[in-house]
């Protein structure tokens, strides 16, 4: 946020006489959120992958434990189903990140 507040367009908005609250909320904050949303999306993907290890280590029933037991029993339809659900969750997270990009930064448009 500090780096964004030093940009030329922030200086221009202040020179136009906009209130400091308007400059921070509508100009600086929206542009500072783009990398934050990216990191949140990547972190969510890492959490999905880390759930397998966590569930095995702490003996928690869930999708991670299900897929490990299905692999050991060679239950291929269950493995395919869990992989499909995991991939769908990952795709929905990425879709959500892309939609939030369009709301945050008006320069980002999807044709």
C-alpha atoms as a PDB file:
ATOM      1  CA  UNK A   1       0.000   0.000   0.000  1.00  0.00           C
ATOM      2  CA  UNK A   2       2.871   2.358   0.757  1.00  0.00           C
ATOM      3  CA  UNK A   3       4.314   1.747  -2.706  1.00  0.00           C
ATOM      4  CA  UNK A   4       0.937   2.481  -4.309  1.00  0.00           C
ATOM      5  CA  UNK A   5       0.605   5.757  -2.394  1.00  0.00           C
ATOM      6  CA  UNK A   6       3.841   6.966  -4.023  1.00  0.00           C
ATOM      7  CA  UNK A   7       2.586   6.481  -7.594  1.00  0.00           C
ATOM      8  CA  UNK A   8       2.006   9.364  -9.996  1.00  0.00           C
ATOM      9  CA  UNK A   9      -1.755   8.834 -10.348  1.00  0.00           C
ATOM     10  CA  UNK A  10      -2.168   9.173  -6.559  1.00  0.00           C
ATOM     11  CA  UNK A  11      -0.224  12.405  -6.640  1.00  0.00           C
ATOM     12  CA  UNK A  12      -2.431  13.586  -9.526  1.00  0.00           C
ATOM     13  CA  UNK A  13      -5.625  12.712  -7.631  1.00  0.00           C
ATOM     14  CA  UNK A  14      -4.404  14.695  -4.640  1.00  0.00           C
ATOM     15  CA  UNK A  15      -3.457  17.607  -6.890  1.00  0.00           C
ATOM     16  CA  UNK A  16      -7.005  17.637  -8.303  1.00  0.00           C
ATOM     17  CA  UNK A  17      -8.230  18.356  -4.793  1.00  0.00           C
ATOM     18  CA  UNK A  18      -9.860  15.032  -3.999  1.00  0.00           C
ATOM     19  CA  UNK A  19     -10.360  14.201  -0.355  1.00  0.00           C
ATOM     20  CA  UNK A  20      -7.722  11.951   1.176  1.00  0.00           C
ATOM     21  CA  UNK A  21     -10.355   9.313   1.948  1.00  0.00           C
ATOM     22  CA  UNK A  22     -11.436   9.248  -1.705  1.00  0.00           C
ATOM     23  CA  UNK A  23      -7.850   8.977  -2.902  1.00  0.00           C
ATOM     24  CA  UNK A  24      -7.104   6.083  -0.562  1.00  0.00           C
ATOM     25  CA  UNK A  25     -10.322   4.078  -1.063  1.00  0.00           C
ATOM     26  CA  UNK A  26     -10.999   4.561  -4.752  1.00  0.00           C
ATOM     27  CA  UNK A  27      -7.510   4.924  -6.175  1.00  0.00           C
ATOM     28  CA  UNK A  28      -4.936   3.321  -3.895  1.00  0.00           C
ATOM     29  CA  UNK A  29      -6.854   0.538  -2.158  1.00  0.00           C
ATOM     30  CA  UNK A  30      -8.310  -0.998  -5.324  1.00  0.00           C
ATOM     31  CA  UNK A  31      -4.918  -1.110  -7.026  1.00  0.00           C
ATOM     32  CA  UNK A  32      -3.257  -2.549  -3.922  1.00  0.00           C
ATOM     33  CA  UNK A  33      -5.813  -5.391  -3.769  1.00  0.00           C
ATOM     34  CA  UNK A  34      -4.798  -7.031  -7.076  1.00  0.00           C
ATOM     35  CA  UNK A  35      -1.676  -8.793  -5.714  1.00  0.00           C
ATOM     36  CA  UNK A  36      -3.500  -9.661  -2.482  1.00  0.00           C
ATOM     37  CA  UNK A  37      -6.277 -11.448  -4.387  1.00  0.00           C
ATOM     38  CA  UNK A  38      -3.663 -13.321  -6.414  1.00  0.00           C
ATOM     39  CA  UNK A  39      -1.915 -14.546  -3.278  1.00  0.00           C
ATOM     40  CA  UNK A  40      -5.230 -15.598  -1.723  1.00  0.00           C
ATOM     41  CA  UNK A  41      -6.068 -17.675  -4.811  1.00  0.00           C
ATOM     42  CA  UNK A  42      -2.676 -19.391  -4.817  1.00  0.00           C
ATOM     43  CA  UNK A  43      -2.902 -20.033  -1.080  1.00  0.00           C
ATOM     44  CA  UNK A  44      -6.302 -21.671  -1.449  1.00  0.00           C
ATOM     45  CA  UNK A  45      -4.857 -24.033  -4.069  1.00  0.00           C
ATOM     46  CA  UNK A  46      -1.995 -24.938  -1.727  1.00  0.00           C
ATOM     47  CA  UNK A  47      -4.486 -25.575   1.083  1.00  0.00           C
ATOM     48  CA  UNK A  48      -6.415 -28.030  -1.099  1.00  0.00           C
ATOM     49  CA  UNK A  49      -3.224 -29.948  -1.823  1.00  0.00           C
ATOM     50  CA  UNK A  50      -2.055 -29.813   1.795  1.00  0.00           C
ATOM     51  CA  UNK A  51      -5.338 -31.265   3.051  1.00  0.00           C
ATOM     52  CA  UNK A  52      -4.221 -34.746   1.991  1.00  0.00           C
ATOM     53  CA  UNK A  53      -1.124 -34.645   4.168  1.00  0.00           C
ATOM     54  CA  UNK A  54      -2.927 -33.038   7.102  1.00  0.00           C
ATOM     55  CA  UNK A  55      -5.736 -35.586   7.082  1.00  0.00           C
ATOM     56  CA  UNK A  56      -3.298 -38.497   6.979  1.00  0.00           C
ATOM     57  CA  UNK A  57      -1.017 -37.147   9.709  1.00  0.00           C
ATOM     58  CA  UNK A  58      -3.826 -36.210  12.130  1.00  0.00           C
ATOM     59  CA  UNK A  59      -6.117 -39.132  11.186  1.00  0.00           C
ATOM     60  CA  UNK A  60      -8.979 -36.857  10.142  1.00  0.00           C
ATOM     61  CA  UNK A  61     -11.601 -38.330   7.816  1.00  0.00           C
ATOM     62  CA  UNK A  62     -11.919 -36.353   4.608  1.00  0.00           C
ATOM     63  CA  UNK A  63     -11.144 -36.302   0.900  1.00  0.00           C
ATOM     64  CA  UNK A  64      -7.406 -36.707   1.447  1.00  0.00           C
ATOM     65  CA  UNK A  65      -7.815 -39.844   3.497  1.00  0.00           C
ATOM     66  CA  UNK A  66     -10.435 -41.125   1.055  1.00  0.00           C
ATOM     67  CA  UNK A  67      -8.128 -40.791  -1.938  1.00  0.00           C
ATOM     68  CA  UNK A  68      -5.214 -42.469  -0.150  1.00  0.00           C
ATOM     69  CA  UNK A  69      -7.353 -45.425   0.892  1.00  0.00           C
ATOM     70  CA  UNK A  70      -8.858 -45.634  -2.617  1.00  0.00           C
ATOM     71  CA  UNK A  71      -5.393 -45.688  -4.179  1.00  0.00           C
ATOM     72  CA  UNK A  72      -4.255 -48.441  -1.817  1.00  0.00           C
ATOM     73  CA  UNK A  73      -7.393 -50.502  -2.606  1.00  0.00           C
ATOM     74  CA  UNK A  74      -7.083 -49.726  -6.349  1.00  0.00           C
ATOM     75  CA  UNK A  75     -10.599 -48.295  -6.412  1.00  0.00           C
ATOM     76  CA  UNK A  76     -10.206 -46.273  -9.604  1.00  0.00           C
ATOM     77  CA  UNK A  77     -13.718 -44.780  -9.831  1.00  0.00           C
ATOM     78  CA  UNK A  78     -13.321 -43.249  -6.360  1.00  0.00           C
ATOM     79  CA  UNK A  79      -9.877 -41.901  -7.285  1.00  0.00           C
ATOM     80  CA  UNK A  80     -11.329 -40.345 -10.443  1.00  0.00           C
ATOM     81  CA  UNK A  81     -14.219 -38.829  -8.475  1.00  0.00           C
ATOM     82  CA  UNK A  82     -11.985 -37.267  -5.829  1.00  0.00           C
ATOM     83  CA  UNK A  83      -9.615 -35.897  -8.466  1.00  0.00           C
ATOM     84  CA  UNK A  84     -12.609 -34.479 -10.358  1.00  0.00           C
ATOM     85  CA  UNK A  85     -13.982 -32.783  -7.225  1.00  0.00           C
ATOM     86  CA  UNK A  86     -10.556 -31.374  -6.354  1.00  0.00           C
ATOM     87  CA  UNK A  87     -10.029 -30.068  -9.890  1.00  0.00           C
ATOM     88  CA  UNK A  88     -13.500 -28.512  -9.910  1.00  0.00           C
ATOM     89  CA  UNK A  89     -12.808 -26.753  -6.591  1.00  0.00           C
ATOM     90  CA  UNK A  90      -9.512 -25.450  -7.942  1.00  0.00           C
ATOM     91  CA  UNK A  91     -11.219 -24.194 -11.109  1.00  0.00           C
ATOM     92  CA  UNK A  92     -13.951 -22.445  -9.100  1.00  0.00           C
ATOM     93  CA  UNK A  93     -11.333 -20.726  -6.943  1.00  0.00           C
ATOM     94  CA  UNK A  94      -9.515 -19.491 -10.057  1.00  0.00           C
ATOM     95  CA  UNK A  95     -12.827 -18.325 -11.563  1.00  0.00           C
ATOM     96  CA  UNK A  96     -13.589 -16.436  -8.363  1.00  0.00           C
ATOM     97  CA  UNK A  97     -10.180 -14.755  -8.445  1.00  0.00           C
ATOM     98  CA  UNK A  98     -10.729 -13.706 -12.070  1.00  0.00           C
ATOM     99  CA  UNK A  99     -14.179 -12.288 -11.284  1.00  0.00           C
ATOM    100  CA  UNK A 100     -12.794 -10.336  -8.336  1.00  0.00           C
ATOM    101  CA  UNK A 101     -10.076  -8.947 -10.635  1.00  0.00           C
ATOM    102  CA  UNK A 102     -12.759  -7.496 -12.906  1.00  0.00           C
ATOM    103  CA  UNK A 103     -14.432  -5.756  -9.946  1.00  0.00           C
ATOM    104  CA  UNK A 104     -11.234  -4.449  -8.396  1.00  0.00           C
ATOM    105  CA  UNK A 105      -9.388  -3.155 -11.460  1.00  0.00           C
ATOM    106  CA  UNK A 106     -11.501  -1.586 -14.219  1.00  0.00           C
ATOM    107  CA  UNK A 107      -8.577  -1.890 -16.648  1.00  0.00           C
ATOM    108  CA  UNK A 108      -8.981  -5.681 -16.609  1.00  0.00           C
ATOM    109  CA  UNK A 109     -11.693  -6.693 -19.063  1.00  0.00           C
ATOM    110  CA  UNK A 110     -12.467 -10.147 -20.361  1.00  0.00           C
ATOM    111  CA  UNK A 111     -13.764 -10.256 -23.913  1.00  0.00           C
END
